[in-house]
Each structure stands twice: as structure tokens, then as C-alpha cells.
Amino acid sequence: MNQTTNVHGHSTHDAEEDARNRNIWIYVNGEIVPRDEAKVSVYDSGFMLGDGMWEGMRLYNGTWAFFDDHMDRLFNSCKAISLDIGLDRQGVADALARTTEANGMTTDVHCRLMVTRGVKAKPFQHPSLSCFGPTVVIIMEHSKPAAHLQAKGIRLATVPQIRGLPMTQDAKYNSHSKLNCIIGCLQAEQAGADEGLMLDPHGFVNTTNACNFFIVRKGEVWTSTGDYCMNGVTRQKVIDLCRANGIPVFEKNYSLYEAYGADEAFLTGTFGAQTPVSEIDGKIIGSYDGLGPVTARLQTLYRELIAQVTGS
């Protein structure tokens, strides 16, 4: 299927079609293999139980943007679930370099780095059954966000699926266990929207099923407290850019009432950077035909930051 076509609508991960992706090389446990030969065991902990962590990163001009921030999150998450990756940061960097070289990739590349607890001795839950070492997979694709996302924006629907409390499954884990978010996405599509706007356990606006969520009200940028969502790298960079450039920014509790009445709204993520939101629950956001001025300014500041840290 054409990558830019989604029979249910759009998503923040819509990409321009690139035929080169049909013949990419993929890193699997130290080996670089053709896409059609890249496989893991049906006994793998990630396949069987969603037991693993992952990172999404983008390559600009031969440099992985905010590599250290992504590694901080990956290694912290793996430590928290007692998962030994089997590589240090330099080992991960070397694996990434081998994969980019095999694919001849230099820029406009999206990477999904996945680590699981590895193959299990028996098809049961206990972590001790994963006794053969971790599974590490790196998938890289030539990938540019689809142009229509900036022109049309994303339509959100508030969904009944919420981001839960930390003692259930902490949303700060970028884990392979994404069913909570998938349910939210399905609920949004069934409501006729592109993605789901998820609330926190107290009913405050939190995040979408795929990205962090921001609104703009009277020149102020608001996002959730971050207590019940993954604190995305791009989310933090946007907050930092606001603080460095005199844009009032608040991490706070706010309700759908404030979101519906926002002047602008946008999503943040490693793939799409800052993607405008056109409507929430059928209500048009703001009065701009396309990008609002604050979102547009943040996009410019973010591009400048990427150029600064990657030399692109």
C-alpha cells in the first residue's frame, strides 16, 4: 500500500513513498540482513509478551539527532525492567553506523531501535525463561513526513482509553507493550478521526495515542504535566525552545474545555517534529487556515536547533 494512503484517514507517521525501502538492510543481533530475511523467533519475548523497549530516532546529515537523550531514555528504561542490552552506548552507536553504511543512508532517515529480553526457553511469562540473551533489531527507512500533514493537520477524537497510573504500566516506558495506545487509536478511527486524544486518570488532557500534545492559548504554550505520558525527546526540546526564546510555556493540568478553545494545537514526535492539529472532537481549532503563528515559529526554531546539533 502506498505509504501516504490510509483508508481510515491520516496519522502523524504518514510518510512520502520511497521505493528504496523495499530493499533495505536490517540489523538483527549483530548481523546485517536483507529486509525479507530479517526475522526473530516466535519464542522471542518481544513477540510473545511485548517484553522490551524501543527508540525512534532521525538521521540528519549523517548525525542522529539528540542521540544522548534517546540513549538516556533507553538505558534508564532497560535498567528499570532489569534488561541488559548487551551493548554500551558506543556499541549502539557502532550498530547504527554499520546499518547506515549498509544502506548508504545519510539523511531523512527514520530508525526504530528495538531491544527485547530475547528468546524464551518455554512459552511462558517468567523473565528467567529468557535465558539466551537479548534480541536487538535496528530498522532504518528513507522517510520524509508527508507534506499534506502540514496543510491539513491532524483530526483528533477524545477516546475512553486513558493513560494510566504509574503503578499499572508507567507510560514513561517506551515499551513494546503498546496495546493501550493501539486501542486508543482504534477508538479514534472508529469515531472518524485520525488519532486519539487520551486523558489522564483524573480527566485532564494528556497525550495522543502516538505523540505528545500541546495547545496555544493567548500566546502561551501548554502541555500536560508529563506525569502520565512518555516524556518525549521532541516534547522536551519544544519546552526548552520556548523557555530560551521568550515564549511562555506551562506543564500543567488542563481540561478539554481549554483544548477546545485553544488558538492552536500541535503534536510533537521524533518523526513529525511538530504537526498541527486541525480539530478535536469535530471542533475546529483556532481560526488559521494552516499553521498558526506560534506553531510556525516553533517549527522554525526546531529546524534551527536540528541544524545546529547535526550540522545540516
Protein backbone atom coordinates (compact mmCIF):
# COMPACT_ATOMS: atom_id res chain seq x y z
CA MET A 1 0.00 0.00 0.00
CA ASN A 2 1.21 3.50 -0.75
CA GLN A 3 2.62 4.86 2.50
CA THR A 4 0.79 8.16 2.05
CA THR A 5 -2.58 6.41 1.81
CA ASN A 6 -4.57 5.47 4.89
CA VAL A 7 -8.09 4.25 4.26
CA HIS A 8 -9.08 5.43 7.73
CA GLY A 9 -7.54 8.91 7.46
CA HIS A 10 -4.12 10.24 8.33
CA SER A 11 -1.62 9.80 11.12
CA THR A 12 1.42 11.69 12.31
CA HIS A 13 3.54 8.89 10.85
CA ASP A 14 2.35 9.27 7.25
CA ALA A 15 5.44 9.31 5.04
CA GLU A 16 6.18 10.04 1.43
CA GLU A 17 6.55 6.83 -0.55
CA ASP A 18 10.16 5.77 -1.17
CA ALA A 19 10.82 2.69 -3.28
CA ARG A 20 14.28 2.26 -1.74
CA ASN A 21 12.65 0.95 1.43
CA ARG A 22 11.68 -2.28 -0.34
CA ASN A 23 15.32 -3.33 -0.36
CA ILE A 24 16.71 -2.07 2.94
CA TRP A 25 19.18 -3.97 5.13
CA ILE A 26 18.27 -4.60 8.76
CA TYR A 27 20.44 -5.20 11.83
CA VAL A 28 19.47 -8.36 13.73
CA ASN A 29 21.67 -9.39 16.66
CA GLY A 30 24.91 -8.23 15.10
CA GLU A 31 24.17 -9.33 11.55
CA ILE A 32 23.07 -7.11 8.67
CA VAL A 33 20.49 -8.96 6.58
CA PRO A 34 18.12 -8.11 3.70
CA ARG A 35 14.64 -6.98 4.69
CA ASP A 36 12.97 -10.21 3.55
CA GLU A 37 15.40 -12.27 5.63
CA ALA A 38 15.13 -10.21 8.85
CA LYS A 39 13.37 -12.46 11.34
CA VAL A 40 13.15 -13.18 15.05
CA SER A 41 11.97 -16.33 16.81
CA VAL A 42 8.32 -16.94 17.64
CA TYR A 43 9.74 -17.65 21.12
CA ASP A 44 11.12 -14.12 21.38
CA SER A 45 9.99 -12.23 24.48
CA GLY A 46 9.03 -9.22 22.40
CA PHE A 47 6.75 -11.20 20.09
CA MET A 48 5.33 -13.38 22.82
CA LEU A 49 4.81 -10.81 25.59
CA GLY A 50 5.78 -7.33 24.39
CA ASP A 51 8.72 -7.57 26.79
CA GLY A 52 11.16 -4.96 25.51
CA MET A 53 11.96 -1.31 24.87
CA TRP A 54 12.49 0.73 21.70
CA GLU A 55 13.62 4.12 20.48
CA GLY A 56 12.70 6.10 17.37
CA MET A 57 15.47 8.36 16.04
CA ARG A 58 16.10 10.51 12.99
CA LEU A 59 19.27 10.90 10.96
CA TYR A 60 20.19 14.34 9.63
CA ASN A 61 23.34 14.89 7.59
CA GLY A 62 24.96 11.76 9.00
CA THR A 63 24.13 12.59 12.63
CA TRP A 64 21.47 11.05 14.86
CA ALA A 65 19.61 13.98 16.38
CA PHE A 66 19.70 14.06 20.19
CA PHE A 67 21.38 10.66 20.38
CA ASP A 68 22.36 11.09 24.04
CA ASP A 69 18.78 11.96 25.04
CA HIS A 70 17.48 8.83 23.34
CA MET A 71 20.15 6.67 24.96
CA ASP A 72 19.38 8.17 28.38
CA ARG A 73 15.77 7.04 27.99
CA LEU A 74 16.62 3.63 26.52
CA PHE A 75 19.19 2.66 29.12
CA ASN A 76 17.11 4.03 32.00
CA SER A 77 14.06 2.08 30.81
CA CYS A 78 16.04 -1.14 30.36
CA LYS A 79 17.61 -0.76 33.79
CA ALA A 80 14.17 -0.26 35.32
CA ILE A 81 12.99 -3.62 33.95
CA SER A 82 16.31 -5.43 34.58
CA LEU A 83 17.03 -5.87 30.87
CA ASP A 84 20.70 -5.99 29.91
CA ILE A 85 21.01 -4.76 26.33
CA GLY A 86 24.39 -6.40 25.91
CA LEU A 87 25.76 -3.18 24.38
CA ASP A 88 27.02 0.07 25.83
CA ARG A 89 26.27 3.44 24.19
CA GLN A 90 29.24 3.15 21.90
CA GLY A 91 28.11 -0.33 20.94
CA VAL A 92 24.70 1.04 19.98
CA ALA A 93 26.35 3.86 18.01
CA ASP A 94 28.53 1.33 16.18
CA ALA A 95 25.50 -0.83 15.32
CA LEU A 96 23.70 2.23 13.97
CA ALA A 97 26.76 3.17 11.91
CA ARG A 98 27.00 -0.32 10.41
CA THR A 99 23.34 -0.22 9.44
CA THR A 100 23.50 3.22 7.84
CA GLU A 101 26.62 2.21 5.90
CA ALA A 102 24.96 -0.98 4.64
CA ASN A 103 22.04 1.08 3.38
CA GLY A 104 24.03 4.03 2.07
CA MET A 105 21.93 6.35 4.23
CA THR A 106 22.92 9.86 5.26
CA THR A 107 19.81 11.97 5.90
CA ASP A 108 15.99 11.94 6.06
CA VAL A 109 16.18 8.53 7.72
CA HIS A 110 13.97 7.20 10.49
CA CYS A 111 15.24 4.44 12.76
CA ARG A 112 13.43 2.08 15.06
CA LEU A 113 15.86 0.51 17.52
CA MET A 114 14.25 -2.40 19.35
CA VAL A 115 15.52 -4.43 22.29
CA THR A 116 13.74 -7.39 23.84
CA ARG A 117 14.61 -9.79 26.64
CA GLY A 118 15.31 -12.35 23.94
CA VAL A 119 14.29 -15.89 23.10
CA LYS A 120 12.46 -17.87 25.79
CA ALA A 121 13.09 -21.50 26.69
CA LYS A 122 9.34 -22.10 27.06
CA PRO A 123 6.28 -20.08 26.00
CA PHE A 124 5.52 -18.68 29.45
CA GLN A 125 5.77 -15.31 31.16
CA HIS A 126 8.54 -15.59 33.74
CA PRO A 127 11.57 -13.45 32.76
CA SER A 128 14.00 -16.18 33.84
CA LEU A 129 12.84 -18.21 30.84
CA SER A 130 14.51 -15.62 28.61
CA CYS A 131 17.91 -17.17 29.14
CA PHE A 132 19.69 -16.77 25.79
CA GLY A 133 20.49 -13.06 25.83
CA PRO A 134 18.70 -10.03 24.41
CA THR A 135 17.39 -9.51 20.89
CA VAL A 136 18.48 -6.25 19.24
CA VAL A 137 16.96 -5.13 15.93
CA ILE A 138 17.54 -1.90 14.00
CA ILE A 139 15.20 -0.96 11.16
CA MET A 140 16.07 2.16 9.14
CA GLU A 141 13.93 3.61 6.37
CA HIS A 142 14.27 6.53 3.99
CA SER A 143 11.45 8.60 5.41
CA LYS A 144 10.08 12.12 5.00
CA PRO A 145 6.84 13.23 6.69
CA ALA A 146 4.03 13.56 4.15
CA ALA A 147 3.53 17.16 3.02
CA HIS A 148 -0.25 17.02 3.49
CA LEU A 149 0.18 16.82 7.28
CA GLN A 150 1.25 20.47 7.44
CA ALA A 151 -1.51 21.65 5.13
CA LYS A 152 -4.42 19.69 6.56
CA GLY A 153 -3.38 18.95 10.12
CA ILE A 154 -4.47 16.03 12.25
CA ARG A 155 -8.03 15.42 13.43
CA LEU A 156 -8.27 14.15 16.99
CA ALA A 157 -11.08 12.45 18.87
CA THR A 158 -11.13 12.13 22.65
CA VAL A 159 -11.17 8.42 23.43
CA PRO A 160 -12.28 6.45 26.50
CA GLN A 161 -8.91 4.67 26.71
CA ILE A 162 -6.70 6.61 29.13
CA ARG A 163 -3.02 6.76 30.02
CA GLY A 164 -2.95 5.05 33.39
CA LEU A 165 -1.25 5.35 36.73
CA PRO A 166 2.48 4.57 37.10
CA MET A 167 1.81 1.50 39.23
CA THR A 168 -0.16 -0.16 36.44
CA GLN A 169 2.12 0.31 33.44
CA ASP A 170 4.08 3.53 33.65
CA ALA A 171 3.56 5.48 30.41
CA LYS A 172 7.16 6.70 30.65
CA TYR A 173 8.28 3.29 29.40
CA ASN A 174 8.72 3.29 25.62
CA SER A 175 7.85 -0.38 25.70
CA HIS A 176 6.87 -2.92 23.07
CA SER A 177 3.61 -3.30 25.00
CA LYS A 178 1.60 -0.71 23.04
CA LEU A 179 -1.88 -2.24 23.23
CA ASN A 180 -3.17 0.63 25.37
CA CYS A 181 -2.23 3.10 22.62
CA ILE A 182 -3.47 0.82 19.83
CA ILE A 183 -6.90 0.63 21.48
CA GLY A 184 -6.92 4.44 21.69
CA CYS A 185 -6.03 4.68 18.00
CA LEU A 186 -8.80 2.24 17.03
CA GLN A 187 -11.34 4.16 19.09
CA ALA A 188 -10.35 7.38 17.32
CA GLU A 189 -10.60 5.83 13.87
CA GLN A 190 -13.99 4.37 14.71
CA ALA A 191 -15.07 7.90 15.71
CA GLY A 192 -13.94 9.19 12.30
CA ALA A 193 -10.74 10.89 13.46
CA ASP A 194 -7.06 10.33 12.67
CA GLU A 195 -5.68 9.79 16.17
CA GLY A 196 -6.94 9.52 19.73
CA LEU A 197 -6.60 12.25 22.33
CA MET A 198 -6.10 10.42 25.61
CA LEU A 199 -6.89 11.79 29.05
CA ASP A 200 -5.08 11.06 32.30
CA PRO A 201 -6.69 9.18 35.25
CA HIS A 202 -8.11 12.47 36.57
CA GLY A 203 -9.73 13.53 33.29
CA PHE A 204 -7.15 16.11 32.27
CA VAL A 205 -5.82 16.27 28.71
CA ASN A 206 -2.71 14.13 28.43
CA THR A 207 -1.36 12.93 25.09
CA THR A 208 -2.43 11.22 21.89
CA ASN A 209 -2.04 7.54 21.19
CA ALA A 210 1.21 8.29 19.29
CA CYS A 211 2.54 11.74 20.20
CA ASN A 212 2.77 14.40 22.87
CA PHE A 213 0.11 17.12 22.68
CA PHE A 214 0.34 20.91 23.04
CA ILE A 215 -2.11 23.78 22.82
CA VAL A 216 -1.58 27.52 22.42
CA ARG A 217 -3.84 29.98 24.27
CA LYS A 218 -3.29 33.73 24.06
CA GLY A 219 0.36 33.26 23.15
CA GLU A 220 1.03 30.73 25.90
CA VAL A 221 2.07 27.15 25.13
CA TRP A 222 0.52 24.49 27.35
CA THR A 223 1.22 20.78 27.64
CA SER A 224 0.37 18.17 30.25
CA THR A 225 2.30 17.76 33.47
CA GLY A 226 4.07 14.75 31.98
CA ASP A 227 3.07 12.58 34.94
CA TYR A 228 1.06 10.14 32.82
CA CYS A 229 2.74 10.19 29.43
CA MET A 230 6.05 9.34 27.86
CA ASN A 231 8.17 12.47 28.16
CA GLY A 232 9.21 12.60 24.53
CA VAL A 233 12.58 13.96 23.44
CA THR A 234 10.91 16.32 20.97
CA ARG A 235 8.44 17.37 23.66
CA GLN A 236 11.31 18.45 25.90
CA LYS A 237 13.10 20.23 23.08
CA VAL A 238 9.98 22.29 22.36
CA ILE A 239 9.66 23.21 26.04
CA ASP A 240 13.34 24.19 26.10
CA LEU A 241 12.97 26.27 22.92
CA CYS A 242 10.02 28.13 24.40
CA ARG A 243 11.98 28.96 27.53
CA ALA A 244 15.02 30.07 25.54
CA ASN A 245 13.04 32.30 23.19
CA GLY A 246 10.64 34.13 25.46
CA ILE A 247 7.57 32.03 24.69
CA PRO A 248 5.56 31.37 27.87
CA VAL A 249 5.26 27.62 28.37
CA PHE A 250 3.46 25.67 31.08
CA GLU A 251 3.39 21.99 32.03
CA LYS A 252 0.04 21.87 33.76
CA ASN A 253 -3.31 20.19 34.20
CA TYR A 254 -5.95 21.46 31.78
CA SER A 255 -9.27 20.13 30.56
CA LEU A 256 -10.96 19.61 27.21
CA TYR A 257 -12.66 22.95 27.81
CA GLU A 258 -9.31 24.73 27.36
CA ALA A 259 -8.29 22.47 24.48
CA TYR A 260 -11.48 23.12 22.52
CA GLY A 261 -10.99 26.86 22.94
CA ALA A 262 -7.30 26.87 22.00
CA ASP A 263 -5.94 29.23 19.36
CA GLU A 264 -3.63 26.50 18.07
CA ALA A 265 -2.78 22.89 18.83
CA PHE A 266 0.05 20.65 17.68
CA LEU A 267 1.67 17.29 18.27
CA THR A 268 5.34 16.53 18.84
CA GLY A 269 7.31 13.43 17.98
CA THR A 270 10.66 12.37 16.58
CA PHE A 271 9.21 11.55 13.15
CA GLY A 272 6.90 14.50 12.50
CA ALA A 273 8.61 17.08 14.76
CA GLN A 274 5.65 19.48 15.18
CA THR A 275 2.40 18.53 13.42
CA PRO A 276 -0.58 20.91 13.54
CA VAL A 277 -3.95 19.75 14.87
CA SER A 278 -6.92 20.95 12.85
CA GLU A 279 -9.80 19.77 15.03
CA ILE A 280 -10.69 17.96 18.24
CA ASP A 281 -13.97 16.06 18.52
CA GLY A 282 -15.23 17.81 15.40
CA LYS A 283 -14.45 21.28 16.76
CA ILE A 284 -12.17 23.39 14.56
CA ILE A 285 -9.13 24.62 16.48
CA GLY A 286 -8.36 28.32 16.11
CA SER A 287 -9.04 30.45 13.06
CA TYR A 288 -5.92 29.79 10.98
CA ASP A 289 -6.02 28.18 7.56
CA GLY A 290 -2.96 26.02 8.09
CA LEU A 291 -0.24 26.72 10.64
CA GLY A 292 -0.82 29.12 13.49
CA PRO A 293 1.93 31.68 14.18
CA VAL A 294 3.25 30.12 17.40
CA THR A 295 3.39 26.63 15.91
CA ALA A 296 5.11 28.01 12.81
CA ARG A 297 7.67 29.83 14.95
CA LEU A 298 8.40 26.69 16.95
CA GLN A 299 8.86 24.72 13.75
CA THR A 300 11.43 27.26 12.59
CA LEU A 301 13.24 27.23 15.94
CA TYR A 302 13.27 23.42 15.94
CA ARG A 303 14.72 23.27 12.42
CA GLU A 304 17.41 25.70 13.50
CA LEU A 305 18.17 23.51 16.53
CA ILE A 306 18.44 20.41 14.33
CA ALA A 307 20.81 22.26 12.01
CA GLN A 308 22.89 23.34 14.99
CA VAL A 309 23.25 19.89 16.55
CA THR A 310 23.67 17.93 13.31
CA GLY A 311 25.44 20.43 11.05
CA SER A 312 22.71 20.01 8.46
